[in-house]
Amino acid sequence: MTALRALFQQRVDGDHALLRLARLRFRQAGLGAEVYADSPEQLDHMLGFAPTRPCPPMVHLHRGVDVLDAGGRAVVEAFAARFAGRVWGLVVHDKAAMAARTDDLVKALRELGGRPDRPWLFLEYAAGLEPGWFIEVAERLRDVERVSFCIDVGHVGIRQARSSFSREHPQLDLAALSPQDPRLPDLAGDVQRAVGSALPAVLELTGALGRVGKPLHLHLHDGHPLIRGLSDHFSFLTQVPVPFRHEGRRALSPMYGPRGLAAIVLAAVAACGEERVSLTLEIHQAEGRLPLGDAAGLFRHWRDLTNAERMNYWLAVLAENAMLVAGVLPSRAAG
């Protein structure tokens, strides 16, 4: 069965009741956990709360860890040695400088891999490099055990949309526009065509990495290049409000939506097989409040439930998106 995880963390200020709430909601949704960890001590603390079923936790190391650097490799090795048997994999970001040092990168990952008793190490597509380069690195490491790759569909999609738009409008950066830009009503069709190119790019990369024959990890979240600040890490049910009508609505569709999510999941399963696909709903941005209901007892010692209800809302968004994924996966849909 495909491993389905979601981001497990304390999103708002408060005490450990928030992590107990997260553990409850993850168990109710049948979700595994992916946790962020800047130090082994932090990870050890988080693993005290994160669910270990239905699949072992995944760990996303600090974005500053660089496997080209000896210190970065030492960090990875320390996590791998200490948490062997407790976590399934470690995720590290690629870096823009790696494109000019491909041989060094391959050597570094070879040094870190090859140990069947250690967690998997996944290099995440994050720096916006050419997908072809990412595929080349994967193919060169085909024979290295316990080293594989992570597709962040948001990073791939935003890069592709901006690249596609620039071919039609070389003097205009898609990321420089906003929903309030007076130019947008005339450009909306071109914007949405560029955004629509994100899904084929993700599917192509997924198929290519799947053919390498290793487990493939995907960070799943939606977004749109017009969203200011962080343009992705949203729910697949997100819409982008605009102050004008486009195709009968006052909103623009995101890069993927539920149909795009389904296409990505099915492509990963087709390329790798269900047992080799690992999915994490890495949704950060979901703001709202939801009454605690059956979890109210966890917060009897709280006077102000604002942050508890904010956390509960975010967890509900994760659960909604997990239902979208589960409805697509053959083994889960059958159950």
C-alpha atoms as a PDB file:
ATOM      1  CA  MET A   1       0.000   0.000   0.000  1.00  0.00           C
ATOM      2  CA  THR A   2       1.214   3.509  -0.786  1.00  0.00           C
ATOM      3  CA  ALA A   3       2.500   5.394   2.255  1.00  0.00           C
ATOM      4  CA  LEU A   4       0.390   8.511   2.796  1.00  0.00           C
ATOM      5  CA  ARG A   5       1.771  11.069   5.231  1.00  0.00           C
ATOM      6  CA  ALA A   6       1.140  14.690   6.109  1.00  0.00           C
ATOM      7  CA  LEU A   7       3.173  17.423   7.704  1.00  0.00           C
ATOM      8  CA  PHE A   8       3.219  16.856  11.459  1.00  0.00           C
ATOM      9  CA  GLN A   9       4.188  19.912  13.479  1.00  0.00           C
ATOM     10  CA  GLN A  10       2.979  22.476  15.976  1.00  0.00           C
ATOM     11  CA  ARG A  11       1.729  25.276  13.728  1.00  0.00           C
ATOM     12  CA  VAL A  12       0.836  27.817  16.423  1.00  0.00           C
ATOM     13  CA  ASP A  13       1.972  28.895  19.881  1.00  0.00           C
ATOM     14  CA  GLY A  14       0.911  26.717  22.782  1.00  0.00           C
ATOM     15  CA  ASP A  15       1.898  23.634  24.749  1.00  0.00           C
ATOM     16  CA  HIS A  16       2.078  19.931  24.002  1.00  0.00           C
ATOM     17  CA  ALA A  17      -1.693  19.643  23.871  1.00  0.00           C
ATOM     18  CA  LEU A  18      -1.397  20.867  20.282  1.00  0.00           C
ATOM     19  CA  LEU A  19       0.833  17.930  19.355  1.00  0.00           C
ATOM     20  CA  ARG A  20      -1.534  15.539  21.115  1.00  0.00           C
ATOM     21  CA  LEU A  21      -4.341  17.037  19.034  1.00  0.00           C
ATOM     22  CA  ALA A  22      -2.270  16.464  15.891  1.00  0.00           C
ATOM     23  CA  ARG A  23      -1.617  12.843  16.877  1.00  0.00           C
ATOM     24  CA  LEU A  24      -5.345  12.276  17.441  1.00  0.00           C
ATOM     25  CA  ARG A  25      -6.348  13.780  14.096  1.00  0.00           C
ATOM     26  CA  PHE A  26      -3.618  11.874  12.222  1.00  0.00           C
ATOM     27  CA  ARG A  27      -4.785   8.594  13.733  1.00  0.00           C
ATOM     28  CA  GLN A  28      -8.390   9.383  12.829  1.00  0.00           C
ATOM     29  CA  ALA A  29      -7.366  10.141   9.236  1.00  0.00           C
ATOM     30  CA  GLY A  30      -5.045   7.130   8.939  1.00  0.00           C
ATOM     31  CA  LEU A  31      -2.087   9.389   8.166  1.00  0.00           C
ATOM     32  CA  GLY A  32       1.600   8.855   8.697  1.00  0.00           C
ATOM     33  CA  ALA A  33       3.850  11.760   9.671  1.00  0.00           C
ATOM     34  CA  GLU A  34       6.569  13.846   8.075  1.00  0.00           C
ATOM     35  CA  VAL A  35       8.314  16.061  10.605  1.00  0.00           C
ATOM     36  CA  TYR A  36      10.786  18.914  10.289  1.00  0.00           C
ATOM     37  CA  ALA A  37      13.928  18.604  12.386  1.00  0.00           C
ATOM     38  CA  ASP A  38      16.846  20.990  12.813  1.00  0.00           C
ATOM     39  CA  SER A  39      18.629  18.821  15.382  1.00  0.00           C
ATOM     40  CA  PRO A  40      18.556  15.216  16.603  1.00  0.00           C
ATOM     41  CA  GLU A  41      17.176  16.438  19.933  1.00  0.00           C
ATOM     42  CA  GLN A  42      14.288  18.194  18.217  1.00  0.00           C
ATOM     43  CA  LEU A  43      13.522  15.087  16.186  1.00  0.00           C
ATOM     44  CA  ASP A  44      13.642  12.878  19.264  1.00  0.00           C
ATOM     45  CA  HIS A  45      11.108  15.186  20.899  1.00  0.00           C
ATOM     46  CA  MET A  46       8.774  15.171  17.884  1.00  0.00           C
ATOM     47  CA  LEU A  47       8.928  11.398  17.527  1.00  0.00           C
ATOM     48  CA  GLY A  48       7.479  11.200  21.029  1.00  0.00           C
ATOM     49  CA  PHE A  49       4.221  12.533  19.574  1.00  0.00           C
ATOM     50  CA  ALA A  50       4.222  11.571  15.881  1.00  0.00           C
ATOM     51  CA  PRO A  51       2.259   8.448  14.910  1.00  0.00           C
ATOM     52  CA  THR A  52       4.311   5.436  13.842  1.00  0.00           C
ATOM     53  CA  ARG A  53       1.402   3.781  12.021  1.00  0.00           C
ATOM     54  CA  PRO A  54       0.312   3.145   9.319  1.00  0.00           C
ATOM     55  CA  CYS A  55       3.892   3.916   8.196  1.00  0.00           C
ATOM     56  CA  PRO A  56       7.123   5.029   9.876  1.00  0.00           C
ATOM     57  CA  PRO A  57       7.780   8.783   9.992  1.00  0.00           C
ATOM     58  CA  MET A  58       9.633  10.715   7.321  1.00  0.00           C
ATOM     59  CA  VAL A  59      12.038  13.490   8.370  1.00  0.00           C
ATOM     60  CA  HIS A  60      12.653  16.741   6.502  1.00  0.00           C
ATOM     61  CA  LEU A  61      16.059  18.063   7.557  1.00  0.00           C
ATOM     62  CA  HIS A  62      16.865  21.761   7.788  1.00  0.00           C
ATOM     63  CA  ARG A  63      16.915  23.476   4.395  1.00  0.00           C
ATOM     64  CA  GLY A  64      20.439  24.701   5.045  1.00  0.00           C
ATOM     65  CA  VAL A  65      21.895  21.175   5.044  1.00  0.00           C
ATOM     66  CA  ASP A  66      24.079  20.844   1.942  1.00  0.00           C
ATOM     67  CA  VAL A  67      25.358  17.371   1.093  1.00  0.00           C
ATOM     68  CA  LEU A  68      28.144  18.922  -1.014  1.00  0.00           C
ATOM     69  CA  ASP A  69      29.630  20.204   2.224  1.00  0.00           C
ATOM     70  CA  ALA A  70      31.434  17.867   4.624  1.00  0.00           C
ATOM     71  CA  GLY A  71      29.556  19.395   7.527  1.00  0.00           C
ATOM     72  CA  GLY A  72      26.238  18.816   5.772  1.00  0.00           C
ATOM     73  CA  ARG A  73      27.085  15.183   5.109  1.00  0.00           C
ATOM     74  CA  ALA A  74      28.040  14.781   8.759  1.00  0.00           C
ATOM     75  CA  VAL A  75      24.610  16.081   9.779  1.00  0.00           C
ATOM     76  CA  VAL A  76      22.881  13.583   7.489  1.00  0.00           C
ATOM     77  CA  GLU A  77      25.048  10.761   8.756  1.00  0.00           C
ATOM     78  CA  ALA A  78      24.347  11.662  12.384  1.00  0.00           C
ATOM     79  CA  PHE A  79      20.581  11.585  11.825  1.00  0.00           C
ATOM     80  CA  ALA A  80      20.792   8.377   9.800  1.00  0.00           C
ATOM     81  CA  ALA A  81      22.826   6.557  12.450  1.00  0.00           C
ATOM     82  CA  ARG A  82      20.831   7.730  15.459  1.00  0.00           C
ATOM     83  CA  PHE A  83      17.358   7.172  14.023  1.00  0.00           C
ATOM     84  CA  ALA A  84      17.888   4.007  12.006  1.00  0.00           C
ATOM     85  CA  GLY A  85      14.856   1.796  12.508  1.00  0.00           C
ATOM     86  CA  ARG A  86      12.746   4.685  13.830  1.00  0.00           C
ATOM     87  CA  VAL A  87      12.233   6.686  10.630  1.00  0.00           C
ATOM     88  CA  TRP A  88      11.810   5.593   7.024  1.00  0.00           C
ATOM     89  CA  GLY A  89      13.622   8.382   5.257  1.00  0.00           C
ATOM     90  CA  LEU A  90      15.439  11.708   5.416  1.00  0.00           C
ATOM     91  CA  VAL A  91      14.773  14.552   2.960  1.00  0.00           C
ATOM     92  CA  VAL A  92      17.403  17.141   2.007  1.00  0.00           C
ATOM     93  CA  HIS A  93      17.073  19.998  -0.482  1.00  0.00           C
ATOM     94  CA  ASP A  94      19.059  20.357  -3.659  1.00  0.00           C
ATOM     95  CA  LYS A  95      20.989  23.630  -4.133  1.00  0.00           C
ATOM     96  CA  ALA A  96      21.428  25.897  -7.139  1.00  0.00           C
ATOM     97  CA  ALA A  97      25.212  25.423  -6.989  1.00  0.00           C
ATOM     98  CA  MET A  98      24.867  21.672  -7.460  1.00  0.00           C
ATOM     99  CA  ALA A  99      24.252  22.033 -11.202  1.00  0.00           C
ATOM    100  CA  ALA A 100      27.876  23.105 -11.667  1.00  0.00           C
ATOM    101  CA  ARG A 101      29.166  20.316  -9.400  1.00  0.00           C
ATOM    102  CA  THR A 102      27.220  17.282 -10.548  1.00  0.00           C
ATOM    103  CA  ASP A 103      30.157  14.869 -10.200  1.00  0.00           C
ATOM    104  CA  ASP A 104      30.771  16.066  -6.638  1.00  0.00           C
ATOM    105  CA  LEU A 105      27.090  15.644  -5.816  1.00  0.00           C
ATOM    106  CA  VAL A 106      26.982  12.106  -7.178  1.00  0.00           C
ATOM    107  CA  LYS A 107      30.107  11.233  -5.188  1.00  0.00           C
ATOM    108  CA  ALA A 108      28.650  12.715  -1.998  1.00  0.00           C
ATOM    109  CA  LEU A 109      25.387  10.813  -2.338  1.00  0.00           C
ATOM    110  CA  ARG A 110      27.281   7.605  -3.056  1.00  0.00           C
ATOM    111  CA  GLU A 111      29.168   8.094   0.199  1.00  0.00           C
ATOM    112  CA  LEU A 112      25.924   8.581   2.119  1.00  0.00           C
ATOM    113  CA  GLY A 113      24.085   5.676   0.480  1.00  0.00           C
ATOM    114  CA  GLY A 114      24.653   1.958   0.220  1.00  0.00           C
ATOM    115  CA  ARG A 115      23.676   1.068   3.800  1.00  0.00           C
ATOM    116  CA  PRO A 116      20.594  -1.186   3.940  1.00  0.00           C
ATOM    117  CA  ASP A 117      20.364  -0.646   7.714  1.00  0.00           C
ATOM    118  CA  ARG A 118      19.934   3.133   7.364  1.00  0.00           C
ATOM    119  CA  PRO A 119      16.913   5.270   6.424  1.00  0.00           C
ATOM    120  CA  TRP A 120      16.414   6.243   2.805  1.00  0.00           C
ATOM    121  CA  LEU A 121      17.952   9.583   1.784  1.00  0.00           C
ATOM    122  CA  PHE A 122      15.820  11.645  -0.624  1.00  0.00           C
ATOM    123  CA  LEU A 123      17.192  14.620  -2.545  1.00  0.00           C
ATOM    124  CA  GLU A 124      14.320  17.055  -3.032  1.00  0.00           C
ATOM    125  CA  TYR A 125      13.773  19.144  -6.154  1.00  0.00           C
ATOM    126  CA  ALA A 126      13.701  22.593  -4.553  1.00  0.00           C
ATOM    127  CA  ALA A 127      16.169  25.016  -6.185  1.00  0.00           C
ATOM    128  CA  GLY A 128      14.423  25.383  -9.543  1.00  0.00           C
ATOM    129  CA  LEU A 129      17.136  23.710 -11.615  1.00  0.00           C
ATOM    130  CA  GLU A 130      16.451  22.075 -14.966  1.00  0.00           C
ATOM    131  CA  PRO A 131      14.386  18.916 -14.399  1.00  0.00           C
ATOM    132  CA  GLY A 132      16.589  17.173 -16.937  1.00  0.00           C
ATOM    133  CA  TRP A 133      19.571  17.687 -14.643  1.00  0.00           C
ATOM    134  CA  PHE A 134      17.630  16.192 -11.725  1.00  0.00           C
ATOM    135  CA  ILE A 135      16.790  13.138 -13.826  1.00  0.00           C
ATOM    136  CA  GLU A 136      20.436  12.770 -14.869  1.00  0.00           C
ATOM    137  CA  VAL A 137      21.565  12.676 -11.235  1.00  0.00           C
ATOM    138  CA  ALA A 138      18.945  10.043 -10.428  1.00  0.00           C
ATOM    139  CA  GLU A 139      20.046   7.857 -13.316  1.00  0.00           C
ATOM    140  CA  ARG A 140      23.700   8.097 -12.296  1.00  0.00           C
ATOM    141  CA  LEU A 141      22.753   6.904  -8.815  1.00  0.00           C
ATOM    142  CA  ARG A 142      20.535   4.077 -10.014  1.00  0.00           C
ATOM    143  CA  ASP A 143      22.809   1.451  -8.438  1.00  0.00           C
ATOM    144  CA  VAL A 144      23.174   3.149  -5.038  1.00  0.00           C
ATOM    145  CA  GLU A 145      21.012   1.601  -2.363  1.00  0.00           C
ATOM    146  CA  ARG A 146      19.027   3.850  -0.022  1.00  0.00           C
ATOM    147  CA  VAL A 147      19.419   7.029  -2.101  1.00  0.00           C
ATOM    148  CA  SER A 148      16.462   8.301  -4.086  1.00  0.00           C
ATOM    149  CA  PHE A 149      14.599  11.499  -4.986  1.00  0.00           C
ATOM    150  CA  CYS A 150      11.716  13.694  -3.882  1.00  0.00           C
ATOM    151  CA  ILE A 151       9.493  15.693  -6.216  1.00  0.00           C
ATOM    152  CA  ASP A 152       8.056  18.822  -4.666  1.00  0.00           C
ATOM    153  CA  VAL A 153       5.147  19.472  -7.008  1.00  0.00           C
ATOM    154  CA  GLY A 154       4.920  23.103  -5.932  1.00  0.00           C
ATOM    155  CA  HIS A 155       8.552  23.883  -6.752  1.00  0.00           C
ATOM    156  CA  VAL A 156       8.305  22.112 -10.107  1.00  0.00           C
ATOM    157  CA  GLY A 157       4.980  23.743 -10.974  1.00  0.00           C
ATOM    158  CA  ILE A 158       5.901  27.323 -10.085  1.00  0.00           C
ATOM    159  CA  ARG A 159       9.132  27.074 -12.073  1.00  0.00           C
ATOM    160  CA  GLN A 160       7.331  25.624 -15.075  1.00  0.00           C
ATOM    161  CA  ALA A 161       4.532  28.212 -15.015  1.00  0.00           C
ATOM    162  CA  ARG A 162       6.975  31.117 -14.862  1.00  0.00           C
ATOM    163  CA  SER A 163       9.079  29.631 -17.640  1.00  0.00           C
ATOM    164  CA  SER A 164       6.062  29.051 -19.872  1.00  0.00           C
ATOM    165  CA  PHE A 165       4.722  32.569 -19.314  1.00  0.00           C
ATOM    166  CA  SER A 166       8.105  34.148 -20.056  1.00  0.00           C
ATOM    167  CA  ARG A 167       8.125  32.592 -23.519  1.00  0.00           C
ATOM    168  CA  GLU A 168       4.990  34.591 -24.407  1.00  0.00           C
ATOM    169  CA  HIS A 169       5.906  37.655 -22.374  1.00  0.00           C
ATOM    170  CA  PRO A 170       9.717  37.837 -22.192  1.00  0.00           C
ATOM    171  CA  GLN A 171       9.665  41.280 -20.578  1.00  0.00           C
ATOM    172  CA  LEU A 172       7.282  40.303 -17.775  1.00  0.00           C
ATOM    173  CA  ASP A 173       7.851  37.977 -14.830  1.00  0.00           C
ATOM    174  CA  LEU A 174       4.718  36.064 -13.892  1.00  0.00           C
ATOM    175  CA  ALA A 175       5.693  36.309 -10.234  1.00  0.00           C
ATOM    176  CA  ALA A 176       5.640  40.117 -10.499  1.00  0.00           C
ATOM    177  CA  LEU A 177       1.893  40.131 -11.173  1.00  0.00           C
ATOM    178  CA  SER A 178      -0.792  40.032  -8.493  1.00  0.00           C
ATOM    179  CA  PRO A 179      -4.578  39.552  -8.481  1.00  0.00           C
ATOM    180  CA  GLN A 180      -4.963  43.347  -8.166  1.00  0.00           C
ATOM    181  CA  ASP A 181      -2.633  44.218 -11.057  1.00  0.00           C
ATOM    182  CA  PRO A 182      -4.553  46.337 -13.608  1.00  0.00           C
ATOM    183  CA  ARG A 183      -2.868  44.381 -16.420  1.00  0.00           C
ATOM    184  CA  LEU A 184      -4.182  41.034 -15.196  1.00  0.00           C
ATOM    185  CA  PRO A 185      -7.671  41.027 -16.802  1.00  0.00           C
ATOM    186  CA  ASP A 186      -6.075  41.181 -20.267  1.00  0.00           C
ATOM    187  CA  LEU A 187      -3.376  38.657 -19.318  1.00  0.00           C
ATOM    188  CA  ALA A 188      -5.508  36.146 -17.396  1.00  0.00           C
ATOM    189  CA  GLY A 189      -5.856  33.722 -20.312  1.00  0.00           C
ATOM    190  CA  ASP A 190      -2.088  33.647 -20.859  1.00  0.00           C
ATOM    191  CA  VAL A 191      -1.498  33.308 -17.114  1.00  0.00           C
ATOM    192  CA  GLN A 192      -3.805  30.316 -16.827  1.00  0.00           C
ATOM    193  CA  ARG A 193      -2.295  28.613 -19.876  1.00  0.00           C
ATOM    194  CA  ALA A 194       1.111  28.945 -18.240  1.00  0.00           C
ATOM    195  CA  VAL A 195      -0.265  27.635 -14.948  1.00  0.00           C
ATOM    196  CA  GLY A 196      -1.815  24.724 -16.840  1.00  0.00           C
ATOM    197  CA  SER A 197       1.641  23.659 -18.028  1.00  0.00           C
ATOM    198  CA  ALA A 198       2.645  22.785 -14.453  1.00  0.00           C
ATOM    199  CA  LEU A 199       0.821  19.443 -14.373  1.00  0.00           C
ATOM    200  CA  PRO A 200       2.417  17.972 -17.552  1.00  0.00           C
ATOM    201  CA  ALA A 201       5.844  18.974 -16.224  1.00  0.00           C
ATOM    202  CA  VAL A 202       5.237  17.147 -12.940  1.00  0.00           C
ATOM    203  CA  LEU A 203       3.888  14.075 -14.716  1.00  0.00           C
ATOM    204  CA  GLU A 204       6.911  13.942 -17.019  1.00  0.00           C
ATOM    205  CA  LEU A 205       9.363  14.210 -14.119  1.00  0.00           C
ATOM    206  CA  THR A 206       7.437  11.601 -12.143  1.00  0.00           C
ATOM    207  CA  GLY A 207       7.548   9.115 -14.998  1.00  0.00           C
ATOM    208  CA  ALA A 208      11.266   9.654 -15.599  1.00  0.00           C
ATOM    209  CA  LEU A 209      12.219   9.205 -11.936  1.00  0.00           C
ATOM    210  CA  GLY A 210       9.889   6.225 -11.595  1.00  0.00           C
ATOM    211  CA  ARG A 211      11.772   4.431 -14.358  1.00  0.00           C
ATOM    212  CA  VAL A 212      14.928   4.534 -12.224  1.00  0.00           C
ATOM    213  CA  GLY A 213      13.316   1.744 -10.215  1.00  0.00           C
ATOM    214  CA  LYS A 214      13.495   3.091  -6.664  1.00  0.00           C
ATOM    215  CA  PRO A 215      10.961   4.385  -4.138  1.00  0.00           C
ATOM    216  CA  LEU A 216       9.808   7.873  -5.059  1.00  0.00           C
ATOM    217  CA  HIS A 217       8.741  10.477  -2.512  1.00  0.00           C
ATOM    218  CA  LEU A 218       6.418  13.364  -3.403  1.00  0.00           C
ATOM    219  CA  HIS A 219       5.602  16.532  -1.497  1.00  0.00           C
ATOM    220  CA  LEU A 220       2.027  17.373  -2.432  1.00  0.00           C
ATOM    221  CA  HIS A 221       0.543  20.867  -2.217  1.00  0.00           C
ATOM    222  CA  ASP A 222      -1.071  23.372  -4.542  1.00  0.00           C
ATOM    223  CA  GLY A 223      -0.684  27.057  -5.284  1.00  0.00           C
ATOM    224  CA  HIS A 224      -0.538  29.724  -7.956  1.00  0.00           C
ATOM    225  CA  PRO A 225       2.264  32.086  -9.060  1.00  0.00           C
ATOM    226  CA  LEU A 226       0.014  35.131  -8.518  1.00  0.00           C
ATOM    227  CA  ILE A 227      -0.227  34.513  -4.767  1.00  0.00           C
ATOM    228  CA  ARG A 228       2.062  36.978  -3.050  1.00  0.00           C
ATOM    229  CA  GLY A 229       4.743  35.730  -0.690  1.00  0.00           C
ATOM    230  CA  LEU A 230       4.866  31.940  -0.564  1.00  0.00           C
ATOM    231  CA  SER A 231       3.007  30.936  -3.721  1.00  0.00           C
ATOM    232  CA  ASP A 232       2.469  27.286  -2.899  1.00  0.00           C
ATOM    233  CA  HIS A 233       1.955  24.944   0.072  1.00  0.00           C
ATOM    234  CA  PHE A 234      -1.826  25.396  -0.160  1.00  0.00           C
ATOM    235  CA  SER A 235      -4.708  22.916  -0.187  1.00  0.00           C
ATOM    236  CA  PHE A 236      -5.762  21.367  -3.498  1.00  0.00           C
ATOM    237  CA  LEU A 237      -9.155  22.972  -2.905  1.00  0.00           C
ATOM    238  CA  THR A 238      -7.703  26.484  -3.075  1.00  0.00           C
ATOM    239  CA  GLN A 239      -9.008  29.127  -5.486  1.00  0.00           C
ATOM    240  CA  VAL A 240      -7.363  32.500  -6.202  1.00  0.00           C
ATOM    241  CA  PRO A 241      -9.895  35.367  -5.899  1.00  0.00           C
ATOM    242  CA  VAL A 242      -9.611  38.135  -8.512  1.00  0.00           C
ATOM    243  CA  PRO A 243     -11.586  41.422  -8.839  1.00  0.00           C
ATOM    244  CA  PHE A 244     -12.835  40.623 -12.357  1.00  0.00           C
ATOM    245  CA  ARG A 245     -14.635  37.844 -14.194  1.00  0.00           C
ATOM    246  CA  HIS A 246     -12.635  35.154 -15.955  1.00  0.00           C
ATOM    247  CA  GLU A 247     -14.465  32.278 -17.649  1.00  0.00           C
ATOM    248  CA  GLY A 248     -17.604  33.099 -15.686  1.00  0.00           C
ATOM    249  CA  ARG A 249     -15.992  33.285 -12.248  1.00  0.00           C
ATOM    250  CA  ARG A 250     -14.207  35.813 -10.066  1.00  0.00           C
ATOM    251  CA  ALA A 251     -11.455  33.356  -9.224  1.00  0.00           C
ATOM    252  CA  LEU A 252      -8.575  31.586 -10.950  1.00  0.00           C
ATOM    253  CA  SER A 253      -7.947  27.870 -10.606  1.00  0.00           C
ATOM    254  CA  PRO A 254      -4.681  26.761  -8.958  1.00  0.00           C
ATOM    255  CA  MET A 255      -1.958  24.738 -10.637  1.00  0.00           C
ATOM    256  CA  TYR A 256      -3.513  21.335  -9.946  1.00  0.00           C
ATOM    257  CA  GLY A 257      -6.779  21.167  -8.050  1.00  0.00           C
ATOM    258  CA  PRO A 258      -8.314  17.770  -7.172  1.00  0.00           C
ATOM    259  CA  ARG A 259      -8.091  16.480 -10.753  1.00  0.00           C
ATOM    260  CA  GLY A 260      -4.440  17.408 -11.048  1.00  0.00           C
ATOM    261  CA  LEU A 261      -3.719  15.794  -7.684  1.00  0.00           C
ATOM    262  CA  ALA A 262      -5.394  12.602  -8.893  1.00  0.00           C
ATOM    263  CA  ALA A 263      -3.325  12.637 -12.085  1.00  0.00           C
ATOM    264  CA  ILE A 264      -0.088  13.046 -10.111  1.00  0.00           C
ATOM    265  CA  VAL A 265      -0.884  10.225  -7.701  1.00  0.00           C
ATOM    266  CA  LEU A 266      -1.924   7.852 -10.480  1.00  0.00           C
ATOM    267  CA  ALA A 267       1.202   8.715 -12.502  1.00  0.00           C
ATOM    268  CA  ALA A 268       3.413   7.929  -9.518  1.00  0.00           C
ATOM    269  CA  VAL A 269       1.680   4.595  -8.940  1.00  0.00           C
ATOM    270  CA  ALA A 270       1.914   3.728 -12.639  1.00  0.00           C
ATOM    271  CA  ALA A 271       5.632   4.592 -12.734  1.00  0.00           C
ATOM    272  CA  CYS A 272       6.680   2.940  -9.477  1.00  0.00           C
ATOM    273  CA  GLY A 273       3.953   0.614  -8.238  1.00  0.00           C
ATOM    274  CA  GLU A 274       1.943   1.340  -5.087  1.00  0.00           C
ATOM    275  CA  GLU A 275       4.530  -0.104  -2.715  1.00  0.00           C
ATOM    276  CA  ARG A 276       7.280   2.224  -3.951  1.00  0.00           C
ATOM    277  CA  VAL A 277       5.319   5.469  -3.783  1.00  0.00           C
ATOM    278  CA  SER A 278       5.541   7.693  -0.714  1.00  0.00           C
ATOM    279  CA  LEU A 279       3.329  10.792  -0.478  1.00  0.00           C
ATOM    280  CA  THR A 280       3.337  13.683   1.977  1.00  0.00           C
ATOM    281  CA  LEU A 281       0.719  16.425   2.103  1.00  0.00           C
ATOM    282  CA  GLU A 282       3.065  19.332   2.811  1.00  0.00           C
ATOM    283  CA  ILE A 283       0.355  21.954   3.251  1.00  0.00           C
ATOM    284  CA  HIS A 284       1.440  24.915   5.368  1.00  0.00           C
ATOM    285  CA  GLN A 285      -1.002  27.636   4.516  1.00  0.00           C
ATOM    286  CA  ALA A 286      -4.516  27.160   5.865  1.00  0.00           C
ATOM    287  CA  GLU A 287      -5.852  29.783   8.223  1.00  0.00           C
ATOM    288  CA  GLY A 288      -9.155  29.505  10.066  1.00  0.00           C
ATOM    289  CA  ARG A 289     -10.775  28.220  13.242  1.00  0.00           C
ATOM    290  CA  LEU A 290     -12.664  24.984  13.909  1.00  0.00           C
ATOM    291  CA  PRO A 291     -14.300  23.985  17.222  1.00  0.00           C
ATOM    292  CA  LEU A 292     -12.442  21.184  18.989  1.00  0.00           C
ATOM    293  CA  GLY A 293     -15.370  18.789  19.327  1.00  0.00           C
ATOM    294  CA  ASP A 294     -14.149  15.413  20.550  1.00  0.00           C
ATOM    295  CA  ALA A 295     -10.685  16.880  21.333  1.00  0.00           C
ATOM    296  CA  ALA A 296     -11.928  19.496  23.793  1.00  0.00           C
ATOM    297  CA  GLY A 297     -10.684  17.453  26.744  1.00  0.00           C
ATOM    298  CA  LEU A 298      -7.086  17.963  25.653  1.00  0.00           C
ATOM    299  CA  PHE A 299      -7.437  21.676  26.336  1.00  0.00           C
ATOM    300  CA  ARG A 300      -9.258  21.832  29.692  1.00  0.00           C
ATOM    301  CA  HIS A 301      -6.293  23.761  31.098  1.00  0.00           C
ATOM    302  CA  TRP A 302      -6.539  26.452  28.368  1.00  0.00           C
ATOM    303  CA  ARG A 303      -8.552  29.613  28.903  1.00  0.00           C
ATOM    304  CA  ASP A 304      -8.252  30.950  25.339  1.00  0.00           C
ATOM    305  CA  LEU A 305      -8.914  28.274  22.693  1.00  0.00           C
ATOM    306  CA  THR A 306      -8.034  30.451  19.687  1.00  0.00           C
ATOM    307  CA  ASN A 307      -4.796  28.688  18.791  1.00  0.00           C
ATOM    308  CA  ALA A 308      -6.231  25.262  19.534  1.00  0.00           C
ATOM    309  CA  GLU A 309      -9.056  25.934  17.090  1.00  0.00           C
ATOM    310  CA  ARG A 310      -6.612  27.323  14.500  1.00  0.00           C
ATOM    311  CA  MET A 311      -4.554  24.149  14.802  1.00  0.00           C
ATOM    312  CA  ASN A 312      -7.702  22.037  14.543  1.00  0.00           C
ATOM    313  CA  TYR A 313      -8.704  23.842  11.355  1.00  0.00           C
ATOM    314  CA  TRP A 314      -5.310  23.222   9.735  1.00  0.00           C
ATOM    315  CA  LEU A 315      -5.519  19.547  10.673  1.00  0.00           C
ATOM    316  CA  ALA A 316      -8.994  19.368   9.123  1.00  0.00           C
ATOM    317  CA  VAL A 317      -7.579  20.746   5.863  1.00  0.00           C
ATOM    318  CA  LEU A 318      -4.935  18.007   5.912  1.00  0.00           C
ATOM    319  CA  ALA A 319      -7.653  15.404   6.474  1.00  0.00           C
ATOM    320  CA  GLU A 320      -9.760  16.762   3.589  1.00  0.00           C
ATOM    321  CA  ASN A 321      -6.809  16.534   1.226  1.00  0.00           C
ATOM    322  CA  ALA A 322      -5.947  13.072   2.521  1.00  0.00           C
ATOM    323  CA  MET A 323      -9.455  11.978   1.515  1.00  0.00           C
ATOM    324  CA  LEU A 324      -8.808  13.279  -2.009  1.00  0.00           C
ATOM    325  CA  VAL A 325      -5.640  11.178  -2.233  1.00  0.00           C
ATOM    326  CA  ALA A 326      -7.153   8.079  -0.655  1.00  0.00           C
ATOM    327  CA  GLY A 327     -10.004   8.171  -3.149  1.00  0.00           C
ATOM    328  CA  VAL A 328      -7.497   7.838  -5.983  1.00  0.00           C
ATOM    329  CA  LEU A 329      -5.169   5.153  -4.645  1.00  0.00           C
ATOM    330  CA  PRO A 330      -6.375   1.744  -5.840  1.00  0.00           C
ATOM    331  CA  SER A 331      -5.754  -0.147  -2.584  1.00  0.00           C
ATOM    332  CA  ARG A 332      -7.289   2.543  -0.366  1.00  0.00           C
ATOM    333  CA  ALA A 333     -10.258   3.173  -2.649  1.00  0.00           C
ATOM    334  CA  ALA A 334     -10.994  -0.550  -2.664  1.00  0.00           C
ATOM    335  CA  GLY A 335     -10.966  -0.625   1.126  1.00  0.00           C
END
